[in-house]
Amino acid sequence: MTMTLNEYQNQALQTAIFPQRGEYPGLMYLGLGLTGESGEITDHIKKGFRYYNAEILPARKKLMRAELGDVLWYVAVLASELGFTLDEVAKYNTAKLMDRMQRGVLGGSGDNR
């Protein structure tokens, strides 16, 4: 089944139950959740490096897919709380990256390159 970014976002929003939605503490909740889920992915990578000779085993890949889904949920809901669709965010990001690539600063550092 194919799903667009905005379809995913709309479905994710149906499960978005968190404190102080629409207020700054709600944004904090989402930002912290996003960081936590991203950290879980990083932890799986670290464990693959430490315990499995830098190999990501199929079972760990499945766990990471679940964590990536959680990251996507937080991104979708956070984007919505900020008034953006995932489609808008994706289009903005790809335009930014293409502009950087055309100017030869894709590999640099800093937000304003």
PDB file of N, CA and C in Angstrom:
ATOM      1  N   MET A   1       0.839  -1.178   0.000  1.00  0.00           N
ATOM      2  CA  MET A   1       0.000   0.000   0.000  1.00  0.00           C
ATOM      3  C   MET A   1       0.889   1.248   0.000  1.00  0.00           C
ATOM      4  N   THR A   2       0.657   2.109  -0.944  1.00  0.00           N
ATOM      5  CA  THR A   2       1.396   3.364  -1.017  1.00  0.00           C
ATOM      6  C   THR A   2       0.675   4.420  -0.198  1.00  0.00           C
ATOM      7  N   MET A   3       1.448   5.270   0.447  1.00  0.00           N
ATOM      8  CA  MET A   3       0.883   6.326   1.275  1.00  0.00           C
ATOM      9  C   MET A   3       1.680   7.601   1.049  1.00  0.00           C
ATOM     10  N   THR A   4       1.004   8.714   0.888  1.00  0.00           N
ATOM     11  CA  THR A   4       1.704   9.987   0.760  1.00  0.00           C
ATOM     12  C   THR A   4       2.103  10.484   2.142  1.00  0.00           C
ATOM     13  N   LEU A   5       2.998  11.449   2.151  1.00  0.00           N
ATOM     14  CA  LEU A   5       3.402  12.048   3.433  1.00  0.00           C
ATOM     15  C   LEU A   5       2.208  12.667   4.148  1.00  0.00           C
ATOM     16  N   ASN A   6       1.382  13.375   3.409  1.00  0.00           N
ATOM     17  CA  ASN A   6       0.231  14.022   4.041  1.00  0.00           C
ATOM     18  C   ASN A   6      -0.799  13.012   4.528  1.00  0.00           C
ATOM     19  N   GLU A   7      -0.975  11.902   3.817  1.00  0.00           N
ATOM     20  CA  GLU A   7      -1.872  10.849   4.297  1.00  0.00           C
ATOM     21  C   GLU A   7      -1.345  10.286   5.614  1.00  0.00           C
ATOM     22  N   TYR A   8      -0.045  10.039   5.662  1.00  0.00           N
ATOM     23  CA  TYR A   8       0.537   9.552   6.914  1.00  0.00           C
ATOM     24  C   TYR A   8       0.301  10.559   8.032  1.00  0.00           C
ATOM     25  N   GLN A   9       0.568  11.833   7.759  1.00  0.00           N
ATOM     26  CA  GLN A   9       0.411  12.870   8.770  1.00  0.00           C
ATOM     27  C   GLN A   9      -1.029  12.899   9.290  1.00  0.00           C
ATOM     28  N   ASN A  10      -1.989  12.825   8.394  1.00  0.00           N
ATOM     29  CA  ASN A  10      -3.398  12.834   8.820  1.00  0.00           C
ATOM     30  C   ASN A  10      -3.726  11.638   9.693  1.00  0.00           C
ATOM     31  N   GLN A  11      -3.182  10.472   9.360  1.00  0.00           N
ATOM     32  CA  GLN A  11      -3.428   9.292  10.191  1.00  0.00           C
ATOM     33  C   GLN A  11      -2.714   9.403  11.535  1.00  0.00           C
ATOM     34  N   ALA A  12      -1.496   9.929  11.520  1.00  0.00           N
ATOM     35  CA  ALA A  12      -0.752  10.095  12.771  1.00  0.00           C
ATOM     36  C   ALA A  12      -1.496  11.036  13.709  1.00  0.00           C
ATOM     37  N   LEU A  13      -2.079  12.078  13.153  1.00  0.00           N
ATOM     38  CA  LEU A  13      -2.789  13.055  13.985  1.00  0.00           C
ATOM     39  C   LEU A  13      -3.986  12.450  14.700  1.00  0.00           C
ATOM     40  N   GLN A  14      -4.545  11.377  14.146  1.00  0.00           N
ATOM     41  CA  GLN A  14      -5.666  10.706  14.813  1.00  0.00           C
ATOM     42  C   GLN A  14      -5.234  10.061  16.127  1.00  0.00           C
ATOM     43  N   THR A  15      -3.939   9.783  16.262  1.00  0.00           N
ATOM     44  CA  THR A  15      -3.430   9.150  17.488  1.00  0.00           C
ATOM     45  C   THR A  15      -2.641  10.132  18.347  1.00  0.00           C
ATOM     46  N   ALA A  16      -2.693  11.411  18.003  1.00  0.00           N
ATOM     47  CA  ALA A  16      -1.882  12.419  18.705  1.00  0.00           C
ATOM     48  C   ALA A  16      -2.591  12.876  19.974  1.00  0.00           C
ATOM     49  N   ILE A  17      -2.302  12.178  21.039  1.00  0.00           N
ATOM     50  CA  ILE A  17      -2.849  12.524  22.347  1.00  0.00           C
ATOM     51  C   ILE A  17      -1.661  12.834  23.242  1.00  0.00           C
ATOM     52  N   PHE A  18      -1.524  14.100  23.608  1.00  0.00           N
ATOM     53  CA  PHE A  18      -0.411  14.505  24.455  1.00  0.00           C
ATOM     54  C   PHE A  18      -0.805  15.764  25.210  1.00  0.00           C
ATOM     55  N   PRO A  19      -0.117  16.047  26.311  1.00  0.00           N
ATOM     56  CA  PRO A  19      -0.493  17.182  27.161  1.00  0.00           C
ATOM     57  C   PRO A  19      -0.264  18.534  26.471  1.00  0.00           C
ATOM     58  N   GLN A  20      -1.163  19.446  26.744  1.00  0.00           N
ATOM     59  CA  GLN A  20      -1.076  20.849  26.339  1.00  0.00           C
ATOM     60  C   GLN A  20      -0.870  21.022  24.835  1.00  0.00           C
ATOM     61  N   ARG A  21      -1.651  20.262  24.095  1.00  0.00           N
ATOM     62  CA  ARG A  21      -1.626  20.368  22.628  1.00  0.00           C
ATOM     63  C   ARG A  21      -1.992  21.790  22.224  1.00  0.00           C
ATOM     64  N   GLY A  22      -1.262  22.314  21.245  1.00  0.00           N
ATOM     65  CA  GLY A  22      -1.521  23.669  20.778  1.00  0.00           C
ATOM     66  C   GLY A  22      -0.842  24.743  21.604  1.00  0.00           C
ATOM     67  N   GLU A  23      -0.078  24.344  22.604  1.00  0.00           N
ATOM     68  CA  GLU A  23       0.636  25.283  23.459  1.00  0.00           C
ATOM     69  C   GLU A  23       2.122  24.925  23.467  1.00  0.00           C
ATOM     70  N   TYR A  24       2.937  25.842  23.969  1.00  0.00           N
ATOM     71  CA  TYR A  24       4.383  25.617  23.980  1.00  0.00           C
ATOM     72  C   TYR A  24       4.790  24.326  24.701  1.00  0.00           C
ATOM     73  N   PRO A  25       4.210  24.012  25.863  1.00  0.00           N
ATOM     74  CA  PRO A  25       4.591  22.738  26.501  1.00  0.00           C
ATOM     75  C   PRO A  25       4.311  21.519  25.617  1.00  0.00           C
ATOM     76  N   GLY A  26       3.297  21.591  24.767  1.00  0.00           N
ATOM     77  CA  GLY A  26       3.036  20.503  23.830  1.00  0.00           C
ATOM     78  C   GLY A  26       4.173  20.362  22.828  1.00  0.00           C
ATOM     79  N   LEU A  27       4.703  21.500  22.359  1.00  0.00           N
ATOM     80  CA  LEU A  27       5.862  21.463  21.462  1.00  0.00           C
ATOM     81  C   LEU A  27       7.067  20.857  22.169  1.00  0.00           C
ATOM     82  N   MET A  28       7.250  21.219  23.431  1.00  0.00           N
ATOM     83  CA  MET A  28       8.363  20.645  24.196  1.00  0.00           C
ATOM     84  C   MET A  28       8.209  19.131  24.294  1.00  0.00           C
ATOM     85  N   TYR A  29       7.008  18.669  24.577  1.00  0.00           N
ATOM     86  CA  TYR A  29       6.734  17.233  24.664  1.00  0.00           C
ATOM     87  C   TYR A  29       7.120  16.535  23.361  1.00  0.00           C
ATOM     88  N   LEU A  30       6.693  17.112  22.241  1.00  0.00           N
ATOM     89  CA  LEU A  30       6.981  16.511  20.938  1.00  0.00           C
ATOM     90  C   LEU A  30       8.475  16.548  20.619  1.00  0.00           C
ATOM     91  N   GLY A  31       9.131  17.660  20.904  1.00  0.00           N
ATOM     92  CA  GLY A  31      10.565  17.773  20.655  1.00  0.00           C
ATOM     93  C   GLY A  31      11.361  16.774  21.482  1.00  0.00           C
ATOM     94  N   LEU A  32      10.978  16.622  22.731  1.00  0.00           N
ATOM     95  CA  LEU A  32      11.664  15.648  23.584  1.00  0.00           C
ATOM     96  C   LEU A  32      11.394  14.227  23.121  1.00  0.00           C
ATOM     97  N   GLY A  33      10.174  13.958  22.688  1.00  0.00           N
ATOM     98  CA  GLY A  33       9.851  12.634  22.164  1.00  0.00           C
ATOM     99  C   GLY A  33      10.647  12.313  20.916  1.00  0.00           C
ATOM    100  N   LEU A  34      10.778  13.301  20.034  1.00  0.00           N
ATOM    101  CA  LEU A  34      11.554  13.126  18.812  1.00  0.00           C
ATOM    102  C   LEU A  34      13.010  12.812  19.139  1.00  0.00           C
ATOM    103  N   THR A  35      13.559  13.543  20.079  1.00  0.00           N
ATOM    104  CA  THR A  35      14.936  13.306  20.496  1.00  0.00           C
ATOM    105  C   THR A  35      15.092  11.916  21.105  1.00  0.00           C
ATOM    106  N   GLY A  36      14.140  11.513  21.919  1.00  0.00           N
ATOM    107  CA  GLY A  36      14.203  10.198  22.555  1.00  0.00           C
ATOM    108  C   GLY A  36      14.165   9.068  21.546  1.00  0.00           C
ATOM    109  N   GLU A  37      13.251   9.171  20.585  1.00  0.00           N
ATOM    110  CA  GLU A  37      13.148   8.117  19.573  1.00  0.00           C
ATOM    111  C   GLU A  37      14.385   8.085  18.677  1.00  0.00           C
ATOM    112  N   SER A  38      14.909   9.251  18.342  1.00  0.00           N
ATOM    113  CA  SER A  38      16.149   9.307  17.556  1.00  0.00           C
ATOM    114  C   SER A  38      17.285   8.656  18.326  1.00  0.00           C
ATOM    115  N   GLY A  39      17.306   8.885  19.631  1.00  0.00           N
ATOM    116  CA  GLY A  39      18.320   8.267  20.473  1.00  0.00           C
ATOM    117  C   GLY A  39      18.205   6.753  20.497  1.00  0.00           C
ATOM    118  N   GLU A  40      16.987   6.242  20.424  1.00  0.00           N
ATOM    119  CA  GLU A  40      16.819   4.785  20.402  1.00  0.00           C
ATOM    120  C   GLU A  40      17.405   4.191  19.122  1.00  0.00           C
ATOM    121  N   ILE A  41      17.250   4.889  17.997  1.00  0.00           N
ATOM    122  CA  ILE A  41      17.864   4.420  16.753  1.00  0.00           C
ATOM    123  C   ILE A  41      19.380   4.416  16.903  1.00  0.00           C
ATOM    124  N   THR A  42      19.906   5.499  17.442  1.00  0.00           N
ATOM    125  CA  THR A  42      21.348   5.605  17.641  1.00  0.00           C
ATOM    126  C   THR A  42      21.848   4.499  18.560  1.00  0.00           C
ATOM    127  N   ASP A  43      21.077   4.152  19.558  1.00  0.00           N
ATOM    128  CA  ASP A  43      21.475   3.086  20.473  1.00  0.00           C
ATOM    129  C   ASP A  43      21.546   1.746  19.755  1.00  0.00           C
ATOM    130  N   HIS A  44      20.621   1.478  18.857  1.00  0.00           N
ATOM    131  CA  HIS A  44      20.686   0.239  18.072  1.00  0.00           C
ATOM    132  C   HIS A  44      21.949   0.209  17.210  1.00  0.00           C
ATOM    133  N   ILE A  45      22.298   1.338  16.617  1.00  0.00           N
ATOM    134  CA  ILE A  45      23.515   1.415  15.805  1.00  0.00           C
ATOM    135  C   ILE A  45      24.738   1.165  16.677  1.00  0.00           C
ATOM    136  N   LYS A  46      24.742   1.792  17.860  1.00  0.00           N
ATOM    137  CA  LYS A  46      25.865   1.602  18.793  1.00  0.00           C
ATOM    138  C   LYS A  46      26.012   0.139  19.191  1.00  0.00           C
ATOM    139  N   LYS A  47      24.891  -0.517  19.485  1.00  0.00           N
ATOM    140  CA  LYS A  47      24.958  -1.918  19.888  1.00  0.00           C
ATOM    141  C   LYS A  47      25.455  -2.800  18.754  1.00  0.00           C
ATOM    142  N   GLY A  48      25.062  -2.480  17.524  1.00  0.00           N
ATOM    143  CA  GLY A  48      25.581  -3.225  16.379  1.00  0.00           C
ATOM    144  C   GLY A  48      27.079  -3.070  16.265  1.00  0.00           C
ATOM    145  N   PHE A  49      27.566  -1.882  16.540  1.00  0.00           N
ATOM    146  CA  PHE A  49      29.002  -1.608  16.486  1.00  0.00           C
ATOM    147  C   PHE A  49      29.735  -2.341  17.611  1.00  0.00           C
ATOM    148  N   ARG A  50      29.182  -2.238  18.813  1.00  0.00           N
ATOM    149  CA  ARG A  50      29.873  -2.789  19.979  1.00  0.00           C
ATOM    150  C   ARG A  50      29.804  -4.313  20.058  1.00  0.00           C
ATOM    151  N   TYR A  51      28.630  -4.873  19.826  1.00  0.00           N
ATOM    152  CA  TYR A  51      28.442  -6.298  20.088  1.00  0.00           C
ATOM    153  C   TYR A  51      28.456  -7.179  18.841  1.00  0.00           C
ATOM    154  N   TYR A  52      28.275  -6.595  17.667  1.00  0.00           N
ATOM    155  CA  TYR A  52      28.110  -7.418  16.466  1.00  0.00           C
ATOM    156  C   TYR A  52      29.061  -7.020  15.345  1.00  0.00           C
ATOM    157  N   ASN A  53      30.252  -6.574  15.694  1.00  0.00           N
ATOM    158  CA  ASN A  53      31.285  -6.230  14.710  1.00  0.00           C
ATOM    159  C   ASN A  53      30.772  -5.277  13.625  1.00  0.00           C
ATOM    160  N   ALA A  54      30.052  -4.270  14.045  1.00  0.00           N
ATOM    161  CA  ALA A  54      29.527  -3.227  13.146  1.00  0.00           C
ATOM    162  C   ALA A  54      28.572  -3.796  12.103  1.00  0.00           C
ATOM    163  N   GLU A  55      27.888  -4.860  12.467  1.00  0.00           N
ATOM    164  CA  GLU A  55      26.896  -5.447  11.558  1.00  0.00           C
ATOM    165  C   GLU A  55      25.510  -5.200  12.135  1.00  0.00           C
ATOM    166  N   ILE A  56      24.610  -4.778  11.264  1.00  0.00           N
ATOM    167  CA  ILE A  56      23.218  -4.604  11.690  1.00  0.00           C
ATOM    168  C   ILE A  56      22.466  -5.868  11.276  1.00  0.00           C
ATOM    169  N   LEU A  57      22.128  -6.672  12.244  1.00  0.00           N
ATOM    170  CA  LEU A  57      21.449  -7.939  11.994  1.00  0.00           C
ATOM    171  C   LEU A  57      19.989  -7.702  11.618  1.00  0.00           C
ATOM    172  N   PRO A  58      19.370  -8.639  10.886  1.00  0.00           N
ATOM    173  CA  PRO A  58      17.974  -8.462  10.457  1.00  0.00           C
ATOM    174  C   PRO A  58      17.008  -8.155  11.599  1.00  0.00           C
ATOM    175  N   ALA A  59      17.174  -8.802  12.730  1.00  0.00           N
ATOM    176  CA  ALA A  59      16.275  -8.537  13.861  1.00  0.00           C
ATOM    177  C   ALA A  59      16.421  -7.093  14.354  1.00  0.00           C
ATOM    178  N   ARG A  60      17.639  -6.596  14.363  1.00  0.00           N
ATOM    179  CA  ARG A  60      17.874  -5.212  14.799  1.00  0.00           C
ATOM    180  C   ARG A  60      17.331  -4.233  13.770  1.00  0.00           C
ATOM    181  N   LYS A  61      17.414  -4.587  12.495  1.00  0.00           N
ATOM    182  CA  LYS A  61      16.828  -3.734  11.448  1.00  0.00           C
ATOM    183  C   LYS A  61      15.332  -3.566  11.670  1.00  0.00           C
ATOM    184  N   LYS A  62      14.672  -4.644  12.049  1.00  0.00           N
ATOM    185  CA  LYS A  62      13.229  -4.566  12.306  1.00  0.00           C
ATOM    186  C   LYS A  62      12.942  -3.648  13.491  1.00  0.00           C
ATOM    187  N   LEU A  63      13.771  -3.752  14.512  1.00  0.00           N
ATOM    188  CA  LEU A  63      13.603  -2.861  15.657  1.00  0.00           C
ATOM    189  C   LEU A  63      13.826  -1.403  15.246  1.00  0.00           C
ATOM    190  N   MET A  64      14.813  -1.189  14.394  1.00  0.00           N
ATOM    191  CA  MET A  64      15.105   0.169  13.940  1.00  0.00           C
ATOM    192  C   MET A  64      13.984   0.708  13.055  1.00  0.00           C
ATOM    193  N   ARG A  65      13.361  -0.159  12.261  1.00  0.00           N
ATOM    194  CA  ARG A  65      12.215   0.277  11.459  1.00  0.00           C
ATOM    195  C   ARG A  65      11.101   0.784  12.365  1.00  0.00           C
ATOM    196  N   ALA A  66      10.866   0.095  13.466  1.00  0.00           N
ATOM    197  CA  ALA A  66       9.840   0.532  14.412  1.00  0.00           C
ATOM    198  C   ALA A  66      10.199   1.894  15.007  1.00  0.00           C
ATOM    199  N   GLU A  67      11.451   2.070  15.355  1.00  0.00           N
ATOM    200  CA  GLU A  67      11.889   3.360  15.918  1.00  0.00           C
ATOM    201  C   GLU A  67      11.803   4.471  14.872  1.00  0.00           C
ATOM    202  N   LEU A  68      12.152   4.159  13.616  1.00  0.00           N
ATOM    203  CA  LEU A  68      12.016   5.148  12.547  1.00  0.00           C
ATOM    204  C   LEU A  68      10.556   5.576  12.394  1.00  0.00           C
ATOM    205  N   GLY A  69       9.650   4.625  12.538  1.00  0.00           N
ATOM    206  CA  GLY A  69       8.223   4.964  12.511  1.00  0.00           C
ATOM    207  C   GLY A  69       7.850   5.907  13.628  1.00  0.00           C
ATOM    208  N   ASP A  70       8.412   5.679  14.807  1.00  0.00           N
ATOM    209  CA  ASP A  70       8.141   6.578  15.936  1.00  0.00           C
ATOM    210  C   ASP A  70       8.704   7.969  15.672  1.00  0.00           C
ATOM    211  N   VAL A  71       9.892   8.032  15.085  1.00  0.00           N
ATOM    212  CA  VAL A  71      10.480   9.324  14.712  1.00  0.00           C
ATOM    213  C   VAL A  71       9.563  10.028  13.722  1.00  0.00           C
ATOM    214  N   LEU A  72       9.093   9.290  12.729  1.00  0.00           N
ATOM    215  CA  LEU A  72       8.213   9.878  11.722  1.00  0.00           C
ATOM    216  C   LEU A  72       6.931  10.404  12.349  1.00  0.00           C
ATOM    217  N   TRP A  73       6.382   9.680  13.312  1.00  0.00           N
ATOM    218  CA  TRP A  73       5.174  10.130  14.007  1.00  0.00           C
ATOM    219  C   TRP A  73       5.425  11.474  14.675  1.00  0.00           C
ATOM    220  N   TYR A  74       6.519  11.568  15.422  1.00  0.00           N
ATOM    221  CA  TYR A  74       6.826  12.829  16.101  1.00  0.00           C
ATOM    222  C   TYR A  74       7.050  13.959  15.103  1.00  0.00           C
ATOM    223  N   VAL A  75       7.742  13.687  14.002  1.00  0.00           N
ATOM    224  CA  VAL A  75       7.970  14.720  12.984  1.00  0.00           C
ATOM    225  C   VAL A  75       6.629  15.167  12.398  1.00  0.00           C
ATOM    226  N   ALA A  76       5.765  14.213  12.089  1.00  0.00           N
ATOM    227  CA  ALA A  76       4.468  14.547  11.493  1.00  0.00           C
ATOM    228  C   ALA A  76       3.619  15.396  12.425  1.00  0.00           C
ATOM    229  N   VAL A  77       3.558  15.020  13.677  1.00  0.00           N
ATOM    230  CA  VAL A  77       2.715  15.743  14.625  1.00  0.00           C
ATOM    231  C   VAL A  77       3.335  17.101  14.960  1.00  0.00           C
ATOM    232  N   LEU A  78       4.636  17.148  15.112  1.00  0.00           N
ATOM    233  CA  LEU A  78       5.311  18.415  15.373  1.00  0.00           C
ATOM    234  C   LEU A  78       5.114  19.378  14.206  1.00  0.00           C
ATOM    235  N   ALA A  79       5.253  18.881  12.983  1.00  0.00           N
ATOM    236  CA  ALA A  79       5.019  19.729  11.808  1.00  0.00           C
ATOM    237  C   ALA A  79       3.598  20.291  11.837  1.00  0.00           C
ATOM    238  N   SER A  80       2.649  19.448  12.167  1.00  0.00           N
ATOM    239  CA  SER A  80       1.259  19.896  12.230  1.00  0.00           C
ATOM    240  C   SER A  80       1.055  20.958  13.302  1.00  0.00           C
ATOM    241  N   GLU A  81       1.652  20.743  14.452  1.00  0.00           N
ATOM    242  CA  GLU A  81       1.539  21.729  15.536  1.00  0.00           C
ATOM    243  C   GLU A  81       2.115  23.085  15.133  1.00  0.00           C
ATOM    244  N   LEU A  82       3.110  23.059  14.233  1.00  0.00           N
ATOM    245  CA  LEU A  82       3.729  24.294  13.749  1.00  0.00           C
ATOM    246  C   LEU A  82       3.004  24.856  12.530  1.00  0.00           C
ATOM    247  N   GLY A  83       1.981  24.146  12.069  1.00  0.00           N
ATOM    248  CA  GLY A  83       1.184  24.625  10.950  1.00  0.00           C
ATOM    249  C   GLY A  83       1.681  24.210   9.578  1.00  0.00           C
ATOM    250  N   PHE A  84       2.472  23.136   9.509  1.00  0.00           N
ATOM    251  CA  PHE A  84       3.019  22.660   8.248  1.00  0.00           C
ATOM    252  C   PHE A  84       2.505  21.268   7.926  1.00  0.00           C
ATOM    253  N   THR A  85       2.373  20.972   6.648  1.00  0.00           N
ATOM    254  CA  THR A  85       2.148  19.600   6.231  1.00  0.00           C
ATOM    255  C   THR A  85       3.517  18.965   5.992  1.00  0.00           C
ATOM    256  N   LEU A  86       3.558  17.645   6.042  1.00  0.00           N
ATOM    257  CA  LEU A  86       4.820  16.960   5.753  1.00  0.00           C
ATOM    258  C   LEU A  86       5.237  17.209   4.309  1.00  0.00           C
ATOM    259  N   ASP A  87       4.276  17.333   3.427  1.00  0.00           N
ATOM    260  CA  ASP A  87       4.593  17.658   2.042  1.00  0.00           C
ATOM    261  C   ASP A  87       5.332  18.986   1.944  1.00  0.00           C
ATOM    262  N   GLU A  88       4.844  20.000   2.670  1.00  0.00           N
ATOM    263  CA  GLU A  88       5.511  21.308   2.669  1.00  0.00           C
ATOM    264  C   GLU A  88       6.938  21.201   3.208  1.00  0.00           C
ATOM    265  N   VAL A  89       7.094  20.479   4.293  1.00  0.00           N
ATOM    266  CA  VAL A  89       8.418  20.321   4.910  1.00  0.00           C
ATOM    267  C   VAL A  89       9.366  19.621   3.944  1.00  0.00           C
ATOM    268  N   ALA A  90       8.887  18.552   3.300  1.00  0.00           N
ATOM    269  CA  ALA A  90       9.728  17.801   2.367  1.00  0.00           C
ATOM    270  C   ALA A  90      10.116  18.661   1.163  1.00  0.00           C
ATOM    271  N   LYS A  91       9.153  19.398   0.615  1.00  0.00           N
ATOM    272  CA  LYS A  91       9.444  20.256  -0.545  1.00  0.00           C
ATOM    273  C   LYS A  91      10.433  21.355  -0.176  1.00  0.00           C
ATOM    274  N   TYR A  92      10.252  21.957   0.989  1.00  0.00           N
ATOM    275  CA  TYR A  92      11.180  23.004   1.437  1.00  0.00           C
ATOM    276  C   TYR A  92      12.587  22.438   1.584  1.00  0.00           C
ATOM    277  N   ASN A  93      12.680  21.263   2.206  1.00  0.00           N
ATOM    278  CA  ASN A  93      13.985  20.669   2.462  1.00  0.00           C
ATOM    279  C   ASN A  93      14.693  20.285   1.174  1.00  0.00           C
ATOM    280  N   THR A  94      13.989  19.675   0.237  1.00  0.00           N
ATOM    281  CA  THR A  94      14.646  19.288  -1.009  1.00  0.00           C
ATOM    282  C   THR A  94      15.060  20.515  -1.817  1.00  0.00           C
ATOM    283  N   ALA A  95      14.247  21.573  -1.808  1.00  0.00           N
ATOM    284  CA  ALA A  95      14.622  22.808  -2.516  1.00  0.00           C
ATOM    285  C   ALA A  95      15.876  23.410  -1.891  1.00  0.00           C
ATOM    286  N   LYS A  96      15.949  23.408  -0.564  1.00  0.00           N
ATOM    287  CA  LYS A  96      17.119  23.930   0.142  1.00  0.00           C
ATOM    288  C   LYS A  96      18.368  23.137  -0.216  1.00  0.00           C
ATOM    289  N   LEU A  97      18.240  21.803  -0.212  1.00  0.00           N
ATOM    290  CA  LEU A  97      19.391  20.958  -0.513  1.00  0.00           C
ATOM    291  C   LEU A  97      19.833  21.083  -1.973  1.00  0.00           C
ATOM    292  N   MET A  98      18.891  21.172  -2.872  1.00  0.00           N
ATOM    293  CA  MET A  98      19.239  21.344  -4.285  1.00  0.00           C
ATOM    294  C   MET A  98      19.942  22.686  -4.506  1.00  0.00           C
ATOM    295  N   ASP A  99      19.487  23.724  -3.833  1.00  0.00           N
ATOM    296  CA  ASP A  99      20.134  25.035  -3.932  1.00  0.00           C
ATOM    297  C   ASP A  99      21.572  24.953  -3.418  1.00  0.00           C
ATOM    298  N   ARG A 100      21.766  24.297  -2.293  1.00  0.00           N
ATOM    299  CA  ARG A 100      23.125  24.135  -1.741  1.00  0.00           C
ATOM    300  C   ARG A 100      24.008  23.342  -2.690  1.00  0.00           C
ATOM    301  N   MET A 101      23.437  22.288  -3.288  1.00  0.00           N
ATOM    302  CA  MET A 101      24.217  21.471  -4.211  1.00  0.00           C
ATOM    303  C   MET A 101      24.633  22.311  -5.425  1.00  0.00           C
ATOM    304  N   GLN A 102      23.713  23.086  -5.954  1.00  0.00           N
ATOM    305  CA  GLN A 102      24.021  23.919  -7.127  1.00  0.00           C
ATOM    306  C   GLN A 102      25.073  24.977  -6.810  1.00  0.00           C
ATOM    307  N   ARG A 103      25.096  25.442  -5.583  1.00  0.00           N
ATOM    308  CA  ARG A 103      26.080  26.453  -5.191  1.00  0.00           C
ATOM    309  C   ARG A 103      27.371  25.833  -4.672  1.00  0.00           C
ATOM    310  N   GLY A 104      27.437  24.503  -4.608  1.00  0.00           N
ATOM    311  CA  GLY A 104      28.649  23.817  -4.175  1.00  0.00           C
ATOM    312  C   GLY A 104      28.899  23.882  -2.677  1.00  0.00           C
ATOM    313  N   VAL A 105      27.845  24.056  -1.876  1.00  0.00           N
ATOM    314  CA  VAL A 105      28.027  24.139  -0.421  1.00  0.00           C
ATOM    315  C   VAL A 105      27.252  23.038   0.313  1.00  0.00           C
ATOM    316  N   LEU A 106      26.915  21.987  -0.407  1.00  0.00           N
ATOM    317  CA  LEU A 106      26.156  20.896   0.202  1.00  0.00           C
ATOM    318  C   LEU A 106      26.939  20.243   1.341  1.00  0.00           C
ATOM    319  N   GLY A 107      28.253  20.121   1.178  1.00  0.00           N
ATOM    320  CA  GLY A 107      29.075  19.450   2.178  1.00  0.00           C
ATOM    321  C   GLY A 107      29.597  20.369   3.265  1.00  0.00           C
ATOM    322  N   GLY A 108      29.220  21.615   3.268  1.00  0.00           N
ATOM    323  CA  GLY A 108      29.716  22.559   4.271  1.00  0.00           C
ATOM    324  C   GLY A 108      28.977  22.403   5.593  1.00  0.00           C
ATOM    325  N   SER A 109      29.121  23.393   6.446  1.00  0.00           N
ATOM    326  CA  SER A 109      28.412  23.353   7.718  1.00  0.00           C
ATOM    327  C   SER A 109      27.739  24.690   7.965  1.00  0.00           C
ATOM    328  N   GLY A 110      26.739  24.664   8.811  1.00  0.00           N
ATOM    329  CA  GLY A 110      25.997  25.877   9.135  1.00  0.00           C
ATOM    330  C   GLY A 110      24.679  25.932   8.387  1.00  0.00           C
ATOM    331  N   ASP A 111      23.715  26.618   8.976  1.00  0.00           N
ATOM    332  CA  ASP A 111      22.366  26.676   8.401  1.00  0.00           C
ATOM    333  C   ASP A 111      22.291  27.612   7.206  1.00  0.00           C
ATOM    334  N   ASN A 112      23.039  28.697   7.223  1.00  0.00           N
ATOM    335  CA  ASN A 112      22.904  29.731   6.192  1.00  0.00           C
ATOM    336  C   ASN A 112      24.028  29.668   5.168  1.00  0.00           C
ATOM    337  N   ARG A 113      24.119  28.546   4.465  1.00  0.00           N
ATOM    338  CA  ARG A 113      25.172  28.449   3.452  1.00  0.00           C
ATOM    339  C   ARG A 113      24.596  28.433   2.074  1.00  0.00           C
TER     340      ARG A 113
END
